[in-house]
Amino acid sequence: MQQVDRLHYEARLAERQFNRVDPDNRLVAAELERRWKAALLELRRVEEALARRTMTAASGPDRIDPRLRAKVVALGQRMPEIWATHRLAASIGRPCSAASSTRSSCAAPLGI
């Protein structure tokens, strides 16, 4: 986005320079017009590239490999089971439940 802003500035600057030149000075006017057109072309190129990237990013989730998607969905469906396991509870410092009768099922809090 910064690049687009910079190119907008450069195109406006080139336009102002072209508009200020004395029309009788044809060589300078021609060079300034060439620079202005080049700045506009570069701006258009970058804006189109940004639009393509934005469109690609917006349609990205549709391009996930179906096998990977199936694995993620399966993992998501197992999250309650995974969360409830003692190993996970101990590793994240999950507090003891009221129904817990043994100290070994309680996890010490993490030192965060």
C-alpha atoms as a PDB file:
ATOM      1  CA  MET A   1       0.000   0.000   0.000  1.00  0.00           C
ATOM      2  CA  GLN A   2       2.895   2.355   0.728  1.00  0.00           C
ATOM      3  CA  GLN A   3       4.198   1.715  -2.759  1.00  0.00           C
ATOM      4  CA  VAL A   4       0.850   2.728  -4.288  1.00  0.00           C
ATOM      5  CA  ASP A   5       0.804   5.924  -2.225  1.00  0.00           C
ATOM      6  CA  ARG A   6       4.356   6.739  -3.305  1.00  0.00           C
ATOM      7  CA  LEU A   7       3.477   6.153  -6.964  1.00  0.00           C
ATOM      8  CA  HIS A   8       0.371   8.341  -6.664  1.00  0.00           C
ATOM      9  CA  TYR A   9       2.591  11.103  -5.300  1.00  0.00           C
ATOM     10  CA  GLU A  10       5.147  10.659  -8.093  1.00  0.00           C
ATOM     11  CA  ALA A  11       2.421  10.740 -10.778  1.00  0.00           C
ATOM     12  CA  ARG A  12       0.911  13.936  -9.313  1.00  0.00           C
ATOM     13  CA  LEU A  13       4.369  15.508  -9.106  1.00  0.00           C
ATOM     14  CA  ALA A  14       5.130  14.624 -12.721  1.00  0.00           C
ATOM     15  CA  GLU A  15       1.789  16.110 -13.773  1.00  0.00           C
ATOM     16  CA  ARG A  16       2.477  19.350 -11.896  1.00  0.00           C
ATOM     17  CA  GLN A  17       5.937  19.616 -13.455  1.00  0.00           C
ATOM     18  CA  PHE A  18       4.493  19.046 -16.922  1.00  0.00           C
ATOM     19  CA  ASN A  19       1.768  21.659 -16.366  1.00  0.00           C
ATOM     20  CA  ARG A  20       4.331  24.267 -15.247  1.00  0.00           C
ATOM     21  CA  VAL A  21       6.670  23.953 -18.219  1.00  0.00           C
ATOM     22  CA  ASP A  22       6.764  26.661 -20.859  1.00  0.00           C
ATOM     23  CA  PRO A  23       5.058  25.212 -23.975  1.00  0.00           C
ATOM     24  CA  ASP A  24       7.664  26.936 -26.154  1.00  0.00           C
ATOM     25  CA  ASN A  25      10.324  24.728 -24.561  1.00  0.00           C
ATOM     26  CA  ARG A  26       9.288  21.624 -26.501  1.00  0.00           C
ATOM     27  CA  LEU A  27      12.190  19.374 -25.543  1.00  0.00           C
ATOM     28  CA  VAL A  28      11.643  19.871 -21.826  1.00  0.00           C
ATOM     29  CA  ALA A  29       7.860  19.561 -22.233  1.00  0.00           C
ATOM     30  CA  ALA A  30       8.267  16.303 -24.167  1.00  0.00           C
ATOM     31  CA  GLU A  31      10.585  14.857 -21.505  1.00  0.00           C
ATOM     32  CA  LEU A  32       8.242  15.863 -18.668  1.00  0.00           C
ATOM     33  CA  GLU A  33       5.275  14.384 -20.520  1.00  0.00           C
ATOM     34  CA  ARG A  34       7.218  11.134 -21.009  1.00  0.00           C
ATOM     35  CA  ARG A  35       8.012  10.998 -17.276  1.00  0.00           C
ATOM     36  CA  TRP A  36       4.376  11.685 -16.389  1.00  0.00           C
ATOM     37  CA  LYS A  37       3.146   8.895 -18.670  1.00  0.00           C
ATOM     38  CA  ALA A  38       5.764   6.503 -17.269  1.00  0.00           C
ATOM     39  CA  ALA A  39       4.670   7.333 -13.720  1.00  0.00           C
ATOM     40  CA  LEU A  40       1.022   6.695 -14.620  1.00  0.00           C
ATOM     41  CA  LEU A  41       1.886   3.367 -16.282  1.00  0.00           C
ATOM     42  CA  GLU A  42       3.894   2.234 -13.256  1.00  0.00           C
ATOM     43  CA  LEU A  43       1.057   3.266 -10.944  1.00  0.00           C
ATOM     44  CA  ARG A  44      -1.457   1.311 -13.024  1.00  0.00           C
ATOM     45  CA  ARG A  45       0.811  -1.751 -13.088  1.00  0.00           C
ATOM     46  CA  VAL A  46       1.233  -1.757  -9.300  1.00  0.00           C
ATOM     47  CA  GLU A  47      -2.480  -1.143  -8.646  1.00  0.00           C
ATOM     48  CA  GLU A  48      -3.420  -4.049 -10.928  1.00  0.00           C
ATOM     49  CA  ALA A  49      -0.884  -6.317  -9.216  1.00  0.00           C
ATOM     50  CA  LEU A  50      -2.281  -5.314  -5.823  1.00  0.00           C
ATOM     51  CA  ALA A  51      -5.824  -6.012  -7.028  1.00  0.00           C
ATOM     52  CA  ARG A  52      -4.758  -9.469  -8.280  1.00  0.00           C
ATOM     53  CA  ARG A  53      -3.114 -10.258  -4.935  1.00  0.00           C
ATOM     54  CA  THR A  54      -6.187  -9.073  -3.067  1.00  0.00           C
ATOM     55  CA  MET A  55      -8.463 -11.219  -5.231  1.00  0.00           C
ATOM     56  CA  THR A  56      -6.175 -14.227  -4.804  1.00  0.00           C
ATOM     57  CA  ALA A  57      -6.073 -13.752  -1.039  1.00  0.00           C
ATOM     58  CA  ALA A  58      -9.856 -13.441  -0.900  1.00  0.00           C
ATOM     59  CA  SER A  59     -10.310 -16.684  -2.822  1.00  0.00           C
ATOM     60  CA  GLY A  60      -7.484 -18.465  -0.986  1.00  0.00           C
ATOM     61  CA  PRO A  61      -9.538 -20.670   1.369  1.00  0.00           C
ATOM     62  CA  ASP A  62     -11.230 -22.292  -1.634  1.00  0.00           C
ATOM     63  CA  ARG A  63      -7.836 -23.507  -2.787  1.00  0.00           C
ATOM     64  CA  ILE A  64      -6.980 -25.575   0.289  1.00  0.00           C
ATOM     65  CA  ASP A  65      -6.020 -29.133  -0.564  1.00  0.00           C
ATOM     66  CA  PRO A  66      -9.099 -31.304   0.153  1.00  0.00           C
ATOM     67  CA  ARG A  67      -7.002 -33.804   2.151  1.00  0.00           C
ATOM     68  CA  LEU A  68      -5.656 -31.046   4.388  1.00  0.00           C
ATOM     69  CA  ARG A  69      -9.134 -29.593   4.821  1.00  0.00           C
ATOM     70  CA  ALA A  70     -10.488 -33.030   5.845  1.00  0.00           C
ATOM     71  CA  LYS A  71      -7.700 -33.407   8.416  1.00  0.00           C
ATOM     72  CA  VAL A  72      -8.396 -29.959   9.899  1.00  0.00           C
ATOM     73  CA  VAL A  73     -12.134 -30.651  10.095  1.00  0.00           C
ATOM     74  CA  ALA A  74     -11.494 -34.023  11.759  1.00  0.00           C
ATOM     75  CA  LEU A  75      -9.153 -32.385  14.258  1.00  0.00           C
ATOM     76  CA  GLY A  76     -11.739 -29.725  15.013  1.00  0.00           C
ATOM     77  CA  GLN A  77     -14.354 -32.370  15.690  1.00  0.00           C
ATOM     78  CA  ARG A  78     -11.987 -34.064  18.155  1.00  0.00           C
ATOM     79  CA  MET A  79     -11.135 -30.872  20.070  1.00  0.00           C
ATOM     80  CA  PRO A  80     -13.458 -31.565  23.047  1.00  0.00           C
ATOM     81  CA  GLU A  81     -11.876 -34.999  23.434  1.00  0.00           C
ATOM     82  CA  ILE A  82      -8.365 -33.617  23.094  1.00  0.00           C
ATOM     83  CA  TRP A  83      -9.065 -30.774  25.520  1.00  0.00           C
ATOM     84  CA  ALA A  84     -10.439 -33.157  28.110  1.00  0.00           C
ATOM     85  CA  THR A  85      -7.362 -35.373  28.191  1.00  0.00           C
ATOM     86  CA  HIS A  86      -5.243 -35.241  31.331  1.00  0.00           C
ATOM     87  CA  ARG A  87      -2.050 -34.778  29.333  1.00  0.00           C
ATOM     88  CA  LEU A  88      -3.244 -31.606  27.675  1.00  0.00           C
ATOM     89  CA  ALA A  89      -4.755 -30.288  30.882  1.00  0.00           C
ATOM     90  CA  ALA A  90      -1.463 -30.824  32.731  1.00  0.00           C
ATOM     91  CA  SER A  91       0.637 -29.313  29.976  1.00  0.00           C
ATOM     92  CA  ILE A  92      -1.287 -26.046  29.933  1.00  0.00           C
ATOM     93  CA  GLY A  93      -1.818 -25.756  33.651  1.00  0.00           C
ATOM     94  CA  ARG A  94      -5.562 -26.274  33.620  1.00  0.00           C
ATOM     95  CA  PRO A  95      -6.964 -25.951  37.138  1.00  0.00           C
ATOM     96  CA  CYS A  96      -8.323 -28.946  39.021  1.00  0.00           C
ATOM     97  CA  SER A  97     -11.988 -29.681  38.665  1.00  0.00           C
ATOM     98  CA  ALA A  98     -14.212 -29.791  41.730  1.00  0.00           C
ATOM     99  CA  ALA A  99     -14.898 -33.475  41.085  1.00  0.00           C
ATOM    100  CA  SER A 100     -11.212 -34.302  41.151  1.00  0.00           C
ATOM    101  CA  SER A 101     -10.298 -36.320  44.214  1.00  0.00           C
ATOM    102  CA  THR A 102      -6.608 -36.927  43.636  1.00  0.00           C
ATOM    103  CA  ARG A 103      -3.839 -34.401  43.602  1.00  0.00           C
ATOM    104  CA  SER A 104      -2.176 -36.165  40.664  1.00  0.00           C
ATOM    105  CA  SER A 105      -5.013 -35.099  38.343  1.00  0.00           C
ATOM    106  CA  CYS A 106      -4.427 -31.424  39.168  1.00  0.00           C
ATOM    107  CA  ALA A 107      -1.942 -29.435  37.158  1.00  0.00           C
ATOM    108  CA  ALA A 108       0.331 -26.802  38.551  1.00  0.00           C
ATOM    109  CA  PRO A 109      -0.206 -23.383  36.971  1.00  0.00           C
ATOM    110  CA  LEU A 110       2.194 -22.343  34.272  1.00  0.00           C
ATOM    111  CA  GLY A 111       4.814 -19.792  35.169  1.00  0.00           C
ATOM    112  CA  ILE A 112       3.686 -17.203  32.635  1.00  0.00           C
END
